[in-house]
Protein backbone atom coordinates (compact mmCIF):
# COMPACT_ATOMS: atom_id res chain seq x y z
CA MET A 1 0.69 97.98 209.06
CA SER A 2 3.12 97.83 206.12
CA SER A 3 4.82 94.57 205.15
CA GLU A 4 8.13 96.09 206.27
CA ASN A 5 6.76 96.83 209.74
CA LEU A 6 5.23 93.37 209.97
CA LYS A 7 8.67 91.95 209.22
CA VAL A 8 10.15 94.05 212.01
CA VAL A 9 7.49 92.81 214.41
CA GLY A 10 8.21 89.23 213.42
CA ASN A 11 11.95 89.64 213.87
CA ILE A 12 11.54 91.22 217.29
CA PHE A 13 9.03 88.55 218.29
CA VAL A 14 11.29 85.64 217.36
CA GLY A 15 14.49 87.22 218.61
CA VAL A 16 13.22 88.28 222.02
CA LEU A 17 10.43 85.92 223.05
CA PHE A 18 12.35 82.69 222.68
CA ALA A 19 15.36 84.11 224.45
CA GLY A 20 13.19 83.99 227.60
CA PHE A 21 13.99 86.36 230.44
CA SER A 22 16.93 88.63 229.86
CA PHE A 23 18.64 90.06 232.93
CA LEU A 24 20.97 92.89 232.04
CA SER A 25 23.38 95.06 233.98
CA THR A 26 21.98 98.36 235.15
CA ASN A 27 23.21 101.86 234.51
CA ILE A 28 22.29 104.76 236.75
CA ALA A 29 20.19 107.36 234.97
CA HIS A 30 21.87 110.37 233.51
CA PRO A 31 21.78 113.43 235.80
CA GLN A 32 18.50 115.27 235.48
CA ASN A 33 16.52 117.91 237.33
CA TYR A 34 13.21 116.10 237.45
CA ASP A 35 11.88 112.66 238.35
CA PHE A 36 8.79 112.62 236.11
CA ARG A 37 7.99 115.24 233.49
CA HIS A 38 8.63 118.54 235.31
CA THR A 39 8.03 117.20 238.79
CA LYS A 40 10.06 115.87 241.68
CA TRP A 41 9.05 113.25 244.21
CA GLY A 42 7.56 114.77 247.33
CA MET A 43 5.97 117.73 245.54
CA SER A 44 2.55 118.75 246.81
CA MET A 45 -0.55 118.42 244.66
CA GLN A 46 -0.60 122.15 244.03
CA GLU A 47 3.07 122.19 243.06
CA VAL A 48 2.42 119.44 240.51
CA LYS A 49 -0.57 121.34 239.12
CA ASN A 50 1.69 124.33 238.61
CA THR A 51 4.01 122.28 236.38
CA GLU A 52 1.30 121.15 233.95
CA ASN A 53 -0.30 123.14 231.16
CA GLY A 54 -4.02 123.37 231.65
CA GLU A 55 -6.26 122.00 234.35
CA PRO A 56 -6.53 118.38 235.51
CA ILE A 57 -9.50 116.30 234.39
CA ASN A 58 -11.81 116.98 237.34
CA LYS A 59 -13.88 113.81 236.99
CA PHE A 60 -10.77 111.68 237.47
CA SER A 61 -8.80 113.95 239.80
CA LYS A 62 -10.14 113.17 243.23
CA GLY A 63 -8.57 112.37 246.57
CA ASP A 64 -4.88 111.59 246.08
CA VAL A 65 -5.00 111.51 242.27
CA LEU A 66 -4.46 114.07 239.50
CA THR A 67 -5.22 113.13 235.88
CA TYR A 68 -4.26 114.92 232.65
CA THR A 69 -4.16 114.14 228.93
CA SER A 70 -1.20 114.81 226.68
CA THR A 71 0.94 113.25 223.95
CA LEU A 72 4.21 111.34 224.22
CA LEU A 73 6.18 110.74 221.03
CA ASP A 74 3.02 111.58 219.09
CA GLU A 75 0.96 109.05 221.06
CA LYS A 76 -2.09 110.14 223.04
CA VAL A 77 -1.62 109.39 226.74
CA VAL A 78 -3.44 109.78 230.02
CA ILE A 79 -1.11 111.03 232.78
CA VAL A 80 -1.87 109.91 236.32
CA TYR A 81 -0.17 111.38 239.40
CA ASN A 82 -0.56 109.59 242.76
CA PHE A 83 0.02 111.25 246.12
CA ALA A 84 0.27 110.12 249.74
CA PHE A 85 0.01 112.67 252.56
CA ASN A 86 0.08 115.36 249.83
CA LYS A 87 3.44 114.16 248.52
CA LEU A 88 3.95 112.89 244.97
CA VAL A 89 5.00 109.23 245.20
CA ARG A 90 4.33 107.76 241.75
CA ALA A 91 3.01 108.57 238.28
CA LYS A 92 2.39 106.89 234.97
CA TYR A 93 1.52 107.24 231.30
CA MET A 94 -1.43 105.19 230.02
CA PHE A 95 -1.45 104.86 226.23
CA ALA A 96 -4.85 105.43 224.68
CA LYS A 97 -4.09 103.62 221.43
CA TYR A 98 -4.87 100.26 223.01
CA SER A 99 -7.96 101.28 224.96
CA ASP A 100 -11.28 102.17 223.39
CA SER A 101 -12.52 103.23 226.82
CA LEU A 102 -9.69 105.74 227.33
CA TRP A 103 -10.37 107.27 223.92
CA ARG A 104 -14.08 107.44 224.54
CA VAL A 105 -13.82 108.88 228.05
CA PHE A 106 -11.00 111.37 227.52
CA TRP A 107 -11.29 112.30 223.83
CA GLY A 108 -14.94 111.55 223.10
CA SER A 109 -14.21 109.26 220.16
CA PHE A 110 -12.68 105.93 219.22
CA PRO A 111 -9.14 105.19 217.94
CA GLN A 112 -8.82 105.94 214.25
CA GLU A 113 -6.02 103.45 213.70
CA LYS A 114 -6.80 99.76 213.22
CA LEU A 115 -3.96 97.90 214.88
CA SER A 116 -2.53 94.71 213.42
CA ALA A 117 -1.66 91.75 215.62
CA GLY A 118 1.63 92.35 217.37
CA HIS A 119 1.62 96.12 216.90
CA PHE A 120 2.27 96.50 220.62
CA ILE A 121 5.69 94.90 220.07
CA LEU A 122 6.72 97.77 217.80
CA ASP A 123 5.58 100.30 220.39
CA PHE A 124 7.28 98.38 223.19
CA GLU A 125 10.58 98.43 221.33
CA LYS A 126 10.18 102.10 220.40
CA PHE A 127 9.65 103.22 223.97
CA LYS A 128 12.25 100.82 225.35
CA LYS A 129 14.77 102.44 223.03
CA GLU A 130 13.81 105.92 224.21
CA LEU A 131 14.01 104.92 227.87
CA THR A 132 17.32 103.16 227.33
CA GLU A 133 18.78 106.28 225.76
CA LYS A 134 17.74 108.22 228.86
CA TYR A 135 18.40 105.71 231.65
CA GLY A 136 20.82 103.16 230.20
CA GLU A 137 20.19 99.46 229.64
CA PRO A 138 17.26 97.94 231.56
CA LEU A 139 17.97 96.32 234.90
CA LYS A 140 15.52 93.56 233.98
CA GLU A 141 13.35 92.73 231.02
CA GLY A 142 11.30 89.76 229.98
CA TRP A 143 8.39 88.26 228.12
CA PRO A 144 6.70 86.00 230.69
CA LEU A 145 4.26 83.60 229.03
CA HIS A 146 2.07 80.86 230.50
CA LYS A 147 3.30 77.38 229.61
CA ASP A 148 0.06 76.58 227.78
CA TYR A 149 1.05 79.06 225.06
CA HIS A 150 4.74 78.18 224.63
CA ASP A 151 4.30 75.86 221.65
CA LEU A 152 1.39 77.79 220.13
CA VAL A 153 3.38 81.01 219.67
CA LYS A 154 5.91 79.19 217.47
CA GLY A 155 3.38 78.70 214.70
CA GLU A 156 2.44 80.94 211.78
CA GLU A 157 -0.12 82.73 213.94
CA GLY A 158 2.35 83.34 216.75
CA LEU A 159 1.65 87.06 217.03
CA GLU A 160 -2.09 86.52 217.28
CA VAL A 161 -1.55 83.82 219.90
CA LEU A 162 0.75 86.05 221.93
CA GLU A 163 -1.76 88.89 221.85
CA LYS A 164 -4.54 86.50 222.89
CA ALA A 165 -2.40 85.26 225.79
CA ILE A 166 -1.69 88.79 227.00
CA LYS A 167 -5.36 89.79 226.83
CA ALA A 168 -6.17 86.68 228.86
CA GLU A 169 -3.60 87.80 231.47
CA LYS A 170 -1.41 84.79 230.62
CA GLY A 171 1.56 86.75 229.31
CA GLY A 172 3.12 90.15 228.98
CA LEU A 173 6.19 92.24 228.24
CA TYR A 174 8.17 94.41 230.62
CA ALA A 175 11.41 96.31 231.03
CA LYS A 176 12.60 97.90 234.26
CA TRP A 177 15.09 100.68 234.98
CA MET A 178 16.34 102.05 238.27
CA THR A 179 17.90 105.38 239.15
CA ASP A 180 19.05 106.52 242.56
CA LYS A 181 15.53 107.82 243.25
CA THR A 182 13.15 106.22 240.78
CA GLU A 183 11.91 102.87 239.51
CA ILE A 184 10.70 102.99 235.89
CA ILE A 185 8.67 100.15 234.37
CA LEU A 186 7.53 99.83 230.76
CA ILE A 187 4.83 97.17 230.73
CA VAL A 188 2.38 95.54 228.35
CA SER A 189 -0.23 93.47 230.13
CA GLY A 190 -3.81 92.28 229.83
CA ARG A 191 -6.86 93.86 231.39
CA ASP A 192 -10.55 93.20 230.65
CA ASP A 193 -9.62 91.26 227.50
CA LYS A 194 -7.69 94.29 226.21
CA ILE A 195 -4.04 95.24 225.84
CA SER A 196 -2.82 97.67 228.51
CA PHE A 197 0.32 99.67 227.62
CA GLU A 198 1.85 101.83 230.37
CA ILE A 199 5.06 103.43 231.62
CA GLY A 200 5.13 103.75 235.40
CA TYR A 201 7.43 105.78 237.63
CA SER A 202 7.65 105.45 241.42
CA SER A 203 9.73 106.99 244.18
CA GLU A 204 12.11 104.60 245.91
CA GLU A 205 12.18 106.75 249.04
CA LEU A 206 8.50 107.65 249.36
CA ARG A 207 6.70 104.49 248.17
CA SER A 208 6.19 103.39 251.78
CA LEU A 209 3.99 106.42 252.39
CA GLU A 210 1.15 104.84 250.44
CA LYS A 211 1.23 101.78 252.70
CA ASP A 212 1.28 104.01 255.77
CA GLY A 213 -1.86 105.72 254.51
CA LEU A 214 -3.87 102.51 254.15
């Protein structure tokens, strides 16, 4: 990462983390034809397949799940569609950059880019900006962090400490938007001592169908 980008990361880190939770007014999403990519909530599995280029990844498309690979703003992503009673109820992008296992399973290799500490903050801000341009200011956003790390992140190695806390599932970043039909969450969290970076979309009207199917 260039020194200029590291400076940006540092500025974002200091300016946002120590502000704590930030609860902002919400704006309804701009009018659009689709809820996620080229799909609408309630579509059948076959209807969703018809909207995507290529076939789903068979190994990971079983039961009520369809899985594809694609790119989003030049980032490799795994796309996951979830259904209940053959109706699309939620979907998400999983970013491969932060997961060796996603790269290995879906692309047969390992990430070429060596990420510096705090790189996820740059990506978080990049995608938050894109989502804000589309849906307005977030309804909620925050950087929850376990109290054991509060003082540690203020030191010179603050970015490394923050990343360690997230990987240990003791911290994270999130921003949430709402439209009349959809909840959108951009989230950085920890999983298996790794960074997990995702954007999730879910239907406000149909989310109860998943519970009914349990």
